[in-house]
Amino acid sequence: MAIEQCGEALCGRIVGVDRAPGEPMPTDVHGASECGLTIITNERPIGHGDWLGEVTDPRTGKSYRAKLRLDRLGNLQLRGFVAAPLFGRTQTWRRYAGLITPDCGLE
């Protein structure tokens, strides 16, 4: 995932996918490659290091509210939810230190 400035907000796109040699790139709900797909959009600061925007599940196409923050170790905490953060799930995303191939492979 690459998080970058998109106008006045932050967005995130898939830049690497862990898959076995010869395994095809996963596709989204429309059959398009997940490589390069923007799934985090419109993240804007809400204070105390938190950002609020949206995340889309590429497998279903469903979008959810998303709260982002960096923890003290530099990991991205992404909490996706429907109505309020209380009704959601948090994922921890860690920085990848290896190489990423042009076809979104991880080395």
C-alpha atoms as a PDB file:
ATOM      1  CA  MET A   1       0.000   0.000   0.000  1.00  0.00           C
ATOM      2  CA  ALA A   2       1.329   3.425  -0.910  1.00  0.00           C
ATOM      3  CA  ILE A   3      -0.243   6.307   0.989  1.00  0.00           C
ATOM      4  CA  GLU A   4       0.133   9.634  -0.807  1.00  0.00           C
ATOM      5  CA  GLN A   5      -1.294  13.114  -1.067  1.00  0.00           C
ATOM      6  CA  CYS A   6      -4.310  13.357  -3.396  1.00  0.00           C
ATOM      7  CA  GLY A   7      -5.287  16.992  -3.591  1.00  0.00           C
ATOM      8  CA  GLU A   8      -6.402  18.120  -0.121  1.00  0.00           C
ATOM      9  CA  ALA A   9      -6.615  14.546   1.203  1.00  0.00           C
ATOM     10  CA  LEU A  10      -4.618  11.317   1.409  1.00  0.00           C
ATOM     11  CA  CYS A  11      -5.287   8.218  -0.644  1.00  0.00           C
ATOM     12  CA  GLY A  12      -3.811   4.736  -0.745  1.00  0.00           C
ATOM     13  CA  ARG A  13      -3.241   2.330  -3.609  1.00  0.00           C
ATOM     14  CA  ILE A  14      -2.104  -1.268  -3.767  1.00  0.00           C
ATOM     15  CA  VAL A  15       1.539  -1.482  -4.877  1.00  0.00           C
ATOM     16  CA  GLY A  16       2.459  -4.998  -3.723  1.00  0.00           C
ATOM     17  CA  VAL A  17       0.660  -8.310  -3.284  1.00  0.00           C
ATOM     18  CA  ASP A  18       2.190 -11.344  -1.560  1.00  0.00           C
ATOM     19  CA  ARG A  19       1.564 -14.328  -3.833  1.00  0.00           C
ATOM     20  CA  ALA A  20       3.291 -17.577  -4.764  1.00  0.00           C
ATOM     21  CA  PRO A  21       5.432 -17.778  -7.936  1.00  0.00           C
ATOM     22  CA  GLY A  22       3.150 -18.191 -10.947  1.00  0.00           C
ATOM     23  CA  GLU A  23       0.045 -17.271  -8.950  1.00  0.00           C
ATOM     24  CA  PRO A  24      -2.022 -14.679 -10.835  1.00  0.00           C
ATOM     25  CA  MET A  25      -2.593 -11.173  -9.545  1.00  0.00           C
ATOM     26  CA  PRO A  26      -5.852 -10.968  -7.584  1.00  0.00           C
ATOM     27  CA  THR A  27      -8.626  -9.061  -9.286  1.00  0.00           C
ATOM     28  CA  ASP A  28     -11.275  -6.721  -7.962  1.00  0.00           C
ATOM     29  CA  VAL A  29     -15.026  -7.243  -8.110  1.00  0.00           C
ATOM     30  CA  HIS A  30     -15.015  -6.026 -11.737  1.00  0.00           C
ATOM     31  CA  GLY A  31     -12.209  -8.366 -12.835  1.00  0.00           C
ATOM     32  CA  ALA A  32      -9.514  -5.656 -12.980  1.00  0.00           C
ATOM     33  CA  SER A  33      -6.072  -6.242 -11.505  1.00  0.00           C
ATOM     34  CA  GLU A  34      -5.660  -5.142  -7.891  1.00  0.00           C
ATOM     35  CA  CYS A  35      -2.156  -3.887  -8.784  1.00  0.00           C
ATOM     36  CA  GLY A  36      -2.320  -0.083  -8.672  1.00  0.00           C
ATOM     37  CA  LEU A  37      -5.927  -0.023  -7.453  1.00  0.00           C
ATOM     38  CA  THR A  38      -6.780   2.913  -5.165  1.00  0.00           C
ATOM     39  CA  ILE A  39      -8.717   1.566  -2.172  1.00  0.00           C
ATOM     40  CA  ILE A  40      -8.241   4.336   0.418  1.00  0.00           C
ATOM     41  CA  THR A  41      -9.728   7.709  -0.495  1.00  0.00           C
ATOM     42  CA  ASN A  42     -10.551  11.144   0.885  1.00  0.00           C
ATOM     43  CA  GLU A  43      -8.596  10.750   4.154  1.00  0.00           C
ATOM     44  CA  ARG A  44      -8.597  14.084   5.964  1.00  0.00           C
ATOM     45  CA  PRO A  45      -7.104  15.001   9.346  1.00  0.00           C
ATOM     46  CA  ILE A  46      -9.541  15.030  12.275  1.00  0.00           C
ATOM     47  CA  GLY A  47      -7.039  15.757  15.058  1.00  0.00           C
ATOM     48  CA  HIS A  48      -4.691  13.896  17.404  1.00  0.00           C
ATOM     49  CA  GLY A  49      -2.953  12.194  14.459  1.00  0.00           C
ATOM     50  CA  ASP A  50      -6.178  10.598  13.183  1.00  0.00           C
ATOM     51  CA  TRP A  51      -7.456  10.768   9.602  1.00  0.00           C
ATOM     52  CA  LEU A  52     -10.990   9.966   8.427  1.00  0.00           C
ATOM     53  CA  GLY A  53     -12.044   8.915   4.928  1.00  0.00           C
ATOM     54  CA  GLU A  54     -13.106   5.751   3.108  1.00  0.00           C
ATOM     55  CA  VAL A  55     -11.734   2.320   2.287  1.00  0.00           C
ATOM     56  CA  THR A  56     -13.095   0.017  -0.421  1.00  0.00           C
ATOM     57  CA  ASP A  57     -12.890  -3.769  -0.265  1.00  0.00           C
ATOM     58  CA  PRO A  58     -11.649  -4.646  -3.768  1.00  0.00           C
ATOM     59  CA  ARG A  59     -13.209  -8.126  -3.613  1.00  0.00           C
ATOM     60  CA  THR A  60     -16.762  -6.854  -3.042  1.00  0.00           C
ATOM     61  CA  GLY A  61     -16.635  -3.217  -4.144  1.00  0.00           C
ATOM     62  CA  LYS A  62     -18.218  -2.161  -0.833  1.00  0.00           C
ATOM     63  CA  SER A  63     -16.948   1.052   0.727  1.00  0.00           C
ATOM     64  CA  TYR A  64     -16.654   1.755   4.434  1.00  0.00           C
ATOM     65  CA  ARG A  65     -15.661   4.717   6.560  1.00  0.00           C
ATOM     66  CA  ALA A  66     -12.000   4.422   7.513  1.00  0.00           C
ATOM     67  CA  LYS A  67     -10.038   5.932  10.354  1.00  0.00           C
ATOM     68  CA  LEU A  68      -6.237   5.934   9.950  1.00  0.00           C
ATOM     69  CA  ARG A  69      -3.418   6.596  12.386  1.00  0.00           C
ATOM     70  CA  LEU A  70       0.216   5.658  12.836  1.00  0.00           C
ATOM     71  CA  ASP A  71       1.002   3.799  16.051  1.00  0.00           C
ATOM     72  CA  ARG A  72       4.148   4.422  18.096  1.00  0.00           C
ATOM     73  CA  LEU A  73       6.037   1.793  16.037  1.00  0.00           C
ATOM     74  CA  GLY A  74       5.173   3.476  12.730  1.00  0.00           C
ATOM     75  CA  ASN A  75       2.557   0.878  11.743  1.00  0.00           C
ATOM     76  CA  LEU A  76      -0.622   2.042  10.037  1.00  0.00           C
ATOM     77  CA  GLN A  77      -3.753   1.284  12.044  1.00  0.00           C
ATOM     78  CA  LEU A  78      -6.773   1.203   9.725  1.00  0.00           C
ATOM     79  CA  ARG A  79     -10.206   0.899  11.314  1.00  0.00           C
ATOM     80  CA  GLY A  80     -12.999   0.258   8.813  1.00  0.00           C
ATOM     81  CA  PHE A  81     -16.564   0.760  10.012  1.00  0.00           C
ATOM     82  CA  VAL A  82     -20.142   1.330   8.896  1.00  0.00           C
ATOM     83  CA  ALA A  83     -21.927   3.718  11.263  1.00  0.00           C
ATOM     84  CA  ALA A  84     -19.406   4.492  13.995  1.00  0.00           C
ATOM     85  CA  PRO A  85     -15.847   3.319  14.808  1.00  0.00           C
ATOM     86  CA  LEU A  86     -17.316   1.218  17.628  1.00  0.00           C
ATOM     87  CA  PHE A  87     -18.909  -0.995  14.948  1.00  0.00           C
ATOM     88  CA  GLY A  88     -15.803  -1.822  12.963  1.00  0.00           C
ATOM     89  CA  ARG A  89     -12.576  -3.778  12.700  1.00  0.00           C
ATOM     90  CA  THR A  90      -8.967  -2.631  12.902  1.00  0.00           C
ATOM     91  CA  GLN A  91      -6.140  -3.938  10.730  1.00  0.00           C
ATOM     92  CA  THR A  92      -2.469  -3.241  11.348  1.00  0.00           C
ATOM     93  CA  TRP A  93      -0.408  -2.646   8.217  1.00  0.00           C
ATOM     94  CA  ARG A  94       3.386  -2.723   8.544  1.00  0.00           C
ATOM     95  CA  ARG A  95       5.929  -1.117   6.215  1.00  0.00           C
ATOM     96  CA  TYR A  96       7.415  -3.566   3.724  1.00  0.00           C
ATOM     97  CA  ALA A  97      11.224  -3.464   3.730  1.00  0.00           C
ATOM     98  CA  GLY A  98      11.805  -5.677   0.671  1.00  0.00           C
ATOM     99  CA  LEU A  99      11.643  -4.964  -3.030  1.00  0.00           C
ATOM    100  CA  ILE A 100       8.440  -4.530  -5.033  1.00  0.00           C
ATOM    101  CA  THR A 101       8.519  -5.679  -8.659  1.00  0.00           C
ATOM    102  CA  PRO A 102       6.822  -3.729 -11.493  1.00  0.00           C
ATOM    103  CA  ASP A 103       4.010  -6.319 -11.497  1.00  0.00           C
ATOM    104  CA  CYS A 104       3.301  -5.722  -7.764  1.00  0.00           C
ATOM    105  CA  GLY A 105       5.247  -8.787  -6.627  1.00  0.00           C
ATOM    106  CA  LEU A 106       7.105  -8.839  -3.329  1.00  0.00           C
ATOM    107  CA  GLU A 107      10.744  -9.948  -3.148  1.00  0.00           C
END
